[in-house]
Amino acid sequence: MSKPQRISTQNLKALTLISYFSLLLFMPLWLIVLSPSSGLSPALSLVMFTLPLLFPLKGLIKGNPYTYAWSSFIVMIYFLHSLTTLWVSPKDMVWALIELILATIMFLAGSYYAKYRGQELGLSIRKKKDKST
């Protein structure tokens, strides 16, 4: 039996970046234009839902596997926000589903990119065994 083919790191990087930039554009569009909240000002919406996405921008563009790994923690904010919105606000179901799909794609593709690219570069979180023992 042949070994199953895995998706290339370049494709994972592209998929992560597409979902990342889509989320970066979609969140302000949703929260300010498509379905503005009566409880949040547009400025506060921008700060709360766009600013966290800007932190990993440089490392994601550079393709740094470490940044792809820790940006998965940031994208969990959007994952949880979408699930909460699905639960409490049926009128925003379509927008929350879009956010959930983008966050899930970014999380999975970014995590696998970090893993496979790290392996290609010889990076490891495990302590290397001493060959002399």
N, C-alpha and C. Protein backbone atom coordinates (compact mmCIF):
# COMPACT_ATOMS: atom_id res chain seq x y z
N MET A 1 0.83 -1.19 0.00
CA MET A 1 0.00 0.00 0.00
C MET A 1 0.87 1.25 0.00
N SER A 2 0.44 2.23 -0.74
CA SER A 2 1.20 3.47 -0.79
C SER A 2 0.76 4.40 0.33
N LYS A 3 1.69 5.24 0.72
CA LYS A 3 1.43 6.20 1.79
C LYS A 3 0.51 7.30 1.24
N PRO A 4 -0.53 7.71 2.01
CA PRO A 4 -1.42 8.75 1.51
C PRO A 4 -0.67 10.08 1.34
N GLN A 5 -1.03 10.80 0.30
CA GLN A 5 -0.41 12.09 0.02
C GLN A 5 -0.90 13.13 1.03
N ARG A 6 0.01 13.95 1.52
CA ARG A 6 -0.42 15.05 2.37
C ARG A 6 -0.35 16.34 1.57
N ILE A 7 -1.12 17.29 1.98
CA ILE A 7 -1.15 18.58 1.30
C ILE A 7 0.19 19.29 1.53
N SER A 8 0.66 20.00 0.54
CA SER A 8 1.96 20.66 0.65
C SER A 8 1.92 21.83 1.62
N THR A 9 3.07 22.16 2.15
CA THR A 9 3.13 23.28 3.09
C THR A 9 2.77 24.59 2.40
N GLN A 10 3.10 24.72 1.13
CA GLN A 10 2.75 25.95 0.40
C GLN A 10 1.23 26.09 0.27
N ASN A 11 0.54 24.96 0.02
CA ASN A 11 -0.92 25.00 -0.06
C ASN A 11 -1.54 25.29 1.30
N LEU A 12 -0.96 24.73 2.37
CA LEU A 12 -1.45 25.01 3.72
C LEU A 12 -1.25 26.48 4.07
N LYS A 13 -0.09 27.02 3.69
CA LYS A 13 0.18 28.43 3.94
C LYS A 13 -0.83 29.30 3.19
N ALA A 14 -1.07 28.99 1.94
CA ALA A 14 -2.03 29.76 1.14
C ALA A 14 -3.43 29.68 1.74
N LEU A 15 -3.84 28.50 2.13
CA LEU A 15 -5.16 28.32 2.73
C LEU A 15 -5.29 29.09 4.04
N THR A 16 -4.24 29.07 4.83
CA THR A 16 -4.25 29.83 6.09
C THR A 16 -4.35 31.32 5.81
N LEU A 17 -3.55 31.81 4.88
CA LEU A 17 -3.55 33.24 4.58
C LEU A 17 -4.87 33.70 3.97
N ILE A 18 -5.46 32.89 3.12
CA ILE A 18 -6.76 33.23 2.53
C ILE A 18 -7.82 33.34 3.62
N SER A 19 -7.86 32.36 4.52
CA SER A 19 -8.86 32.41 5.59
C SER A 19 -8.55 33.55 6.57
N TYR A 20 -7.28 33.79 6.83
CA TYR A 20 -6.88 34.88 7.74
C TYR A 20 -7.33 36.23 7.19
N PHE A 21 -6.98 36.54 5.95
CA PHE A 21 -7.35 37.83 5.38
C PHE A 21 -8.87 37.94 5.18
N SER A 22 -9.51 36.84 4.88
CA SER A 22 -10.98 36.85 4.78
C SER A 22 -11.60 37.19 6.13
N LEU A 23 -11.07 36.61 7.19
CA LEU A 23 -11.56 36.90 8.54
C LEU A 23 -11.26 38.35 8.91
N LEU A 24 -10.09 38.81 8.55
CA LEU A 24 -9.68 40.19 8.84
C LEU A 24 -10.60 41.20 8.15
N LEU A 25 -11.05 40.90 6.96
CA LEU A 25 -11.97 41.78 6.23
C LEU A 25 -13.42 41.56 6.65
N PHE A 26 -13.78 40.32 6.91
CA PHE A 26 -15.17 39.99 7.21
C PHE A 26 -15.64 40.52 8.56
N MET A 27 -14.82 40.44 9.58
CA MET A 27 -15.26 40.82 10.93
C MET A 27 -15.71 42.28 11.00
N PRO A 28 -14.94 43.26 10.54
CA PRO A 28 -15.44 44.63 10.58
C PRO A 28 -16.66 44.84 9.67
N LEU A 29 -16.64 44.17 8.52
CA LEU A 29 -17.77 44.27 7.61
C LEU A 29 -19.06 43.79 8.28
N TRP A 30 -19.00 42.64 8.94
CA TRP A 30 -20.16 42.09 9.62
C TRP A 30 -20.60 42.99 10.77
N LEU A 31 -19.66 43.33 11.66
CA LEU A 31 -20.03 44.01 12.89
C LEU A 31 -20.32 45.50 12.74
N ILE A 32 -19.90 46.11 11.64
CA ILE A 32 -20.14 47.53 11.45
C ILE A 32 -21.16 47.80 10.34
N VAL A 33 -21.15 46.98 9.28
CA VAL A 33 -22.01 47.25 8.13
C VAL A 33 -23.21 46.30 8.04
N LEU A 34 -22.95 45.00 8.03
CA LEU A 34 -24.01 44.03 7.77
C LEU A 34 -25.00 43.88 8.92
N SER A 35 -24.52 43.88 10.14
CA SER A 35 -25.38 43.70 11.30
C SER A 35 -24.80 44.40 12.51
N PRO A 36 -24.83 45.74 12.48
CA PRO A 36 -24.22 46.48 13.59
C PRO A 36 -24.95 46.21 14.91
N SER A 37 -24.16 46.10 15.95
CA SER A 37 -24.70 45.86 17.29
C SER A 37 -25.12 47.18 17.91
N SER A 38 -26.26 47.16 18.57
CA SER A 38 -26.70 48.39 19.23
C SER A 38 -25.91 48.64 20.51
N GLY A 39 -25.24 47.59 21.03
CA GLY A 39 -24.51 47.72 22.28
C GLY A 39 -23.07 48.16 22.12
N LEU A 40 -22.48 47.98 20.94
CA LEU A 40 -21.07 48.32 20.74
C LEU A 40 -20.93 49.43 19.71
N SER A 41 -20.04 50.35 19.99
CA SER A 41 -19.75 51.39 19.00
C SER A 41 -18.90 50.77 17.89
N PRO A 42 -18.95 51.34 16.70
CA PRO A 42 -18.11 50.81 15.61
C PRO A 42 -16.62 50.80 15.97
N ALA A 43 -16.16 51.82 16.69
CA ALA A 43 -14.74 51.88 17.07
C ALA A 43 -14.39 50.73 18.02
N LEU A 44 -15.25 50.46 18.98
CA LEU A 44 -15.01 49.37 19.92
C LEU A 44 -15.05 48.02 19.20
N SER A 45 -15.97 47.87 18.26
CA SER A 45 -16.04 46.64 17.46
C SER A 45 -14.74 46.42 16.69
N LEU A 46 -14.21 47.49 16.10
CA LEU A 46 -12.95 47.38 15.37
C LEU A 46 -11.81 46.95 16.28
N VAL A 47 -11.73 47.57 17.45
CA VAL A 47 -10.65 47.25 18.39
C VAL A 47 -10.77 45.81 18.87
N MET A 48 -11.96 45.41 19.27
CA MET A 48 -12.15 44.08 19.85
C MET A 48 -11.99 42.94 18.84
N PHE A 49 -12.44 43.16 17.61
CA PHE A 49 -12.49 42.05 16.66
C PHE A 49 -11.51 42.16 15.50
N THR A 50 -10.78 43.23 15.40
CA THR A 50 -9.78 43.34 14.33
C THR A 50 -8.37 43.39 14.89
N LEU A 51 -8.18 44.11 15.97
CA LEU A 51 -6.85 44.26 16.56
C LEU A 51 -6.17 42.92 16.88
N PRO A 52 -6.84 41.95 17.50
CA PRO A 52 -6.14 40.69 17.78
C PRO A 52 -5.63 39.98 16.52
N LEU A 53 -6.34 40.16 15.42
CA LEU A 53 -5.90 39.52 14.17
C LEU A 53 -4.65 40.17 13.59
N LEU A 54 -4.38 41.40 13.97
CA LEU A 54 -3.21 42.09 13.42
C LEU A 54 -1.89 41.65 14.06
N PHE A 55 -1.95 41.09 15.26
CA PHE A 55 -0.72 40.69 15.95
C PHE A 55 0.13 39.70 15.14
N PRO A 56 -0.43 38.65 14.55
CA PRO A 56 0.43 37.69 13.83
C PRO A 56 0.68 38.04 12.36
N LEU A 57 0.23 39.18 11.89
CA LEU A 57 0.30 39.52 10.46
C LEU A 57 1.70 39.35 9.86
N LYS A 58 2.71 39.95 10.47
CA LYS A 58 4.07 39.91 9.92
C LYS A 58 4.59 38.47 9.83
N GLY A 59 4.44 37.70 10.89
CA GLY A 59 4.94 36.32 10.91
C GLY A 59 4.19 35.41 9.96
N LEU A 60 2.88 35.65 9.79
CA LEU A 60 2.12 34.84 8.84
C LEU A 60 2.58 35.09 7.41
N ILE A 61 2.78 36.34 7.09
CA ILE A 61 3.24 36.67 5.73
C ILE A 61 4.63 36.08 5.48
N LYS A 62 5.51 36.13 6.49
CA LYS A 62 6.85 35.57 6.35
C LYS A 62 6.85 34.05 6.29
N GLY A 63 5.79 33.42 6.78
CA GLY A 63 5.73 31.96 6.79
C GLY A 63 6.39 31.33 7.99
N ASN A 64 6.52 32.08 9.09
CA ASN A 64 7.16 31.59 10.30
C ASN A 64 6.28 30.52 10.97
N PRO A 65 6.73 29.26 11.04
CA PRO A 65 5.89 28.21 11.63
C PRO A 65 5.49 28.49 13.07
N TYR A 66 6.35 29.14 13.84
CA TYR A 66 6.03 29.47 15.22
C TYR A 66 4.83 30.42 15.28
N THR A 67 4.79 31.40 14.39
CA THR A 67 3.67 32.34 14.35
C THR A 67 2.38 31.63 13.95
N TYR A 68 2.49 30.71 13.00
CA TYR A 68 1.31 29.93 12.60
C TYR A 68 0.78 29.12 13.77
N ALA A 69 1.67 28.62 14.59
CA ALA A 69 1.25 27.82 15.74
C ALA A 69 0.54 28.70 16.78
N TRP A 70 1.13 29.82 17.18
CA TRP A 70 0.49 30.62 18.23
C TRP A 70 -0.68 31.42 17.73
N SER A 71 -0.77 31.68 16.43
CA SER A 71 -1.95 32.40 15.91
C SER A 71 -3.20 31.54 16.02
N SER A 72 -3.01 30.23 16.17
CA SER A 72 -4.16 29.33 16.38
C SER A 72 -4.87 29.66 17.69
N PHE A 73 -4.11 30.14 18.67
CA PHE A 73 -4.74 30.55 19.92
C PHE A 73 -5.61 31.79 19.72
N ILE A 74 -5.11 32.72 18.92
CA ILE A 74 -5.88 33.94 18.64
C ILE A 74 -7.16 33.62 17.88
N VAL A 75 -7.07 32.73 16.92
CA VAL A 75 -8.25 32.43 16.10
C VAL A 75 -9.33 31.73 16.91
N MET A 76 -8.97 31.17 18.05
CA MET A 76 -9.99 30.54 18.92
C MET A 76 -10.98 31.58 19.47
N ILE A 77 -10.55 32.84 19.58
CA ILE A 77 -11.46 33.92 19.97
C ILE A 77 -12.63 33.98 18.99
N TYR A 78 -12.32 33.90 17.70
CA TYR A 78 -13.33 34.01 16.65
C TYR A 78 -14.16 32.73 16.57
N PHE A 79 -13.54 31.62 16.81
CA PHE A 79 -14.25 30.34 16.85
C PHE A 79 -15.32 30.39 17.95
N LEU A 80 -14.91 30.81 19.15
CA LEU A 80 -15.84 30.88 20.28
C LEU A 80 -16.89 31.98 20.07
N HIS A 81 -16.49 33.09 19.49
CA HIS A 81 -17.45 34.16 19.20
C HIS A 81 -18.53 33.67 18.25
N SER A 82 -18.14 32.94 17.23
CA SER A 82 -19.12 32.44 16.26
C SER A 82 -20.07 31.43 16.90
N LEU A 83 -19.54 30.53 17.72
CA LEU A 83 -20.40 29.55 18.39
C LEU A 83 -21.37 30.23 19.36
N THR A 84 -20.88 31.22 20.08
CA THR A 84 -21.75 31.96 21.00
C THR A 84 -22.85 32.69 20.24
N THR A 85 -22.48 33.32 19.14
CA THR A 85 -23.45 34.04 18.33
C THR A 85 -24.49 33.09 17.74
N LEU A 86 -24.05 31.93 17.29
CA LEU A 86 -25.01 30.94 16.78
C LEU A 86 -26.02 30.56 17.86
N TRP A 87 -25.57 30.49 19.09
CA TRP A 87 -26.42 30.07 20.21
C TRP A 87 -27.42 31.17 20.62
N VAL A 88 -26.95 32.42 20.65
CA VAL A 88 -27.77 33.48 21.24
C VAL A 88 -28.45 34.41 20.22
N SER A 89 -28.03 34.41 18.97
CA SER A 89 -28.56 35.38 18.02
C SER A 89 -28.91 34.73 16.68
N PRO A 90 -30.11 34.16 16.58
CA PRO A 90 -30.51 33.51 15.33
C PRO A 90 -30.49 34.44 14.11
N LYS A 91 -30.69 35.74 14.33
CA LYS A 91 -30.70 36.67 13.19
C LYS A 91 -29.31 36.79 12.55
N ASP A 92 -28.27 36.46 13.28
CA ASP A 92 -26.90 36.54 12.76
C ASP A 92 -26.33 35.17 12.40
N MET A 93 -27.18 34.18 12.21
CA MET A 93 -26.72 32.82 11.98
C MET A 93 -25.81 32.70 10.75
N VAL A 94 -26.18 33.32 9.66
CA VAL A 94 -25.38 33.22 8.43
C VAL A 94 -23.99 33.81 8.66
N TRP A 95 -23.95 34.99 9.30
CA TRP A 95 -22.66 35.66 9.54
C TRP A 95 -21.79 34.85 10.49
N ALA A 96 -22.43 34.29 11.51
CA ALA A 96 -21.67 33.47 12.48
C ALA A 96 -21.14 32.20 11.83
N LEU A 97 -21.91 31.61 10.92
CA LEU A 97 -21.44 30.42 10.21
C LEU A 97 -20.24 30.73 9.33
N ILE A 98 -20.28 31.89 8.68
CA ILE A 98 -19.13 32.30 7.85
C ILE A 98 -17.89 32.47 8.74
N GLU A 99 -18.06 33.14 9.88
CA GLU A 99 -16.94 33.32 10.82
C GLU A 99 -16.42 31.97 11.31
N LEU A 100 -17.33 31.06 11.63
CA LEU A 100 -16.95 29.73 12.11
C LEU A 100 -16.15 28.97 11.06
N ILE A 101 -16.60 29.02 9.82
CA ILE A 101 -15.90 28.32 8.73
C ILE A 101 -14.51 28.91 8.53
N LEU A 102 -14.40 30.24 8.48
CA LEU A 102 -13.10 30.88 8.28
C LEU A 102 -12.15 30.60 9.44
N ALA A 103 -12.66 30.66 10.66
CA ALA A 103 -11.81 30.40 11.83
C ALA A 103 -11.36 28.95 11.87
N THR A 104 -12.25 28.03 11.51
CA THR A 104 -11.89 26.62 11.51
C THR A 104 -10.84 26.32 10.45
N ILE A 105 -11.01 26.88 9.26
CA ILE A 105 -10.02 26.67 8.20
C ILE A 105 -8.67 27.23 8.61
N MET A 106 -8.68 28.45 9.17
CA MET A 106 -7.41 29.05 9.58
C MET A 106 -6.74 28.22 10.67
N PHE A 107 -7.53 27.75 11.63
CA PHE A 107 -6.98 26.95 12.72
C PHE A 107 -6.36 25.66 12.20
N LEU A 108 -7.09 24.91 11.40
CA LEU A 108 -6.59 23.62 10.91
C LEU A 108 -5.42 23.77 9.96
N ALA A 109 -5.58 24.64 8.96
CA ALA A 109 -4.50 24.82 7.98
C ALA A 109 -3.25 25.40 8.64
N GLY A 110 -3.43 26.36 9.54
CA GLY A 110 -2.28 26.97 10.23
C GLY A 110 -1.57 25.98 11.14
N SER A 111 -2.34 25.15 11.82
CA SER A 111 -1.73 24.16 12.71
C SER A 111 -0.93 23.13 11.92
N TYR A 112 -1.50 22.64 10.83
CA TYR A 112 -0.78 21.66 10.02
C TYR A 112 0.41 22.29 9.31
N TYR A 113 0.27 23.57 8.89
CA TYR A 113 1.42 24.25 8.29
C TYR A 113 2.56 24.33 9.31
N ALA A 114 2.24 24.73 10.54
CA ALA A 114 3.27 24.84 11.58
C ALA A 114 3.95 23.49 11.80
N LYS A 115 3.17 22.44 11.85
CA LYS A 115 3.73 21.11 12.08
C LYS A 115 4.63 20.67 10.93
N TYR A 116 4.10 20.70 9.72
CA TYR A 116 4.87 20.18 8.57
C TYR A 116 6.04 21.08 8.20
N ARG A 117 5.86 22.40 8.26
CA ARG A 117 6.96 23.31 7.93
C ARG A 117 8.05 23.21 8.99
N GLY A 118 7.64 23.07 10.24
CA GLY A 118 8.62 22.87 11.32
C GLY A 118 9.43 21.61 11.11
N GLN A 119 8.77 20.54 10.65
CA GLN A 119 9.49 19.29 10.36
C GLN A 119 10.47 19.50 9.19
N GLU A 120 10.03 20.22 8.16
CA GLU A 120 10.91 20.49 7.03
C GLU A 120 12.16 21.27 7.45
N LEU A 121 11.97 22.17 8.40
CA LEU A 121 13.08 23.01 8.87
C LEU A 121 13.89 22.35 9.98
N GLY A 122 13.45 21.19 10.43
CA GLY A 122 14.16 20.48 11.50
C GLY A 122 13.89 21.05 12.87
N LEU A 123 12.81 21.80 13.01
CA LEU A 123 12.45 22.37 14.31
C LEU A 123 11.72 21.31 15.12
N SER A 124 11.84 21.40 16.43
CA SER A 124 11.18 20.43 17.28
C SER A 124 10.93 21.04 18.64
N ILE A 125 9.82 20.63 19.25
CA ILE A 125 9.57 21.05 20.63
C ILE A 125 10.07 20.00 21.61
N ARG A 126 10.39 18.85 21.09
CA ARG A 126 10.93 17.78 21.93
C ARG A 126 12.43 17.97 22.12
N LYS A 127 12.89 17.55 23.27
CA LYS A 127 14.32 17.62 23.55
C LYS A 127 15.01 16.50 22.76
N LYS A 128 16.07 16.85 22.08
CA LYS A 128 16.81 15.87 21.28
C LYS A 128 17.52 14.90 22.20
N LYS A 129 17.51 13.64 21.82
CA LYS A 129 18.19 12.62 22.60
C LYS A 129 19.68 12.71 22.39
N ASP A 130 20.40 12.48 23.45
CA ASP A 130 21.85 12.48 23.38
C ASP A 130 22.29 11.15 22.76
N LYS A 131 23.06 11.18 21.68
CA LYS A 131 23.48 9.97 20.98
C LYS A 131 24.56 9.20 21.72
N SER A 132 25.21 9.85 22.67
CA SER A 132 26.32 9.18 23.36
C SER A 132 25.82 8.19 24.42
N THR A 133 24.55 8.28 24.81
CA THR A 133 24.05 7.36 25.84
C THR A 133 23.34 6.19 25.24
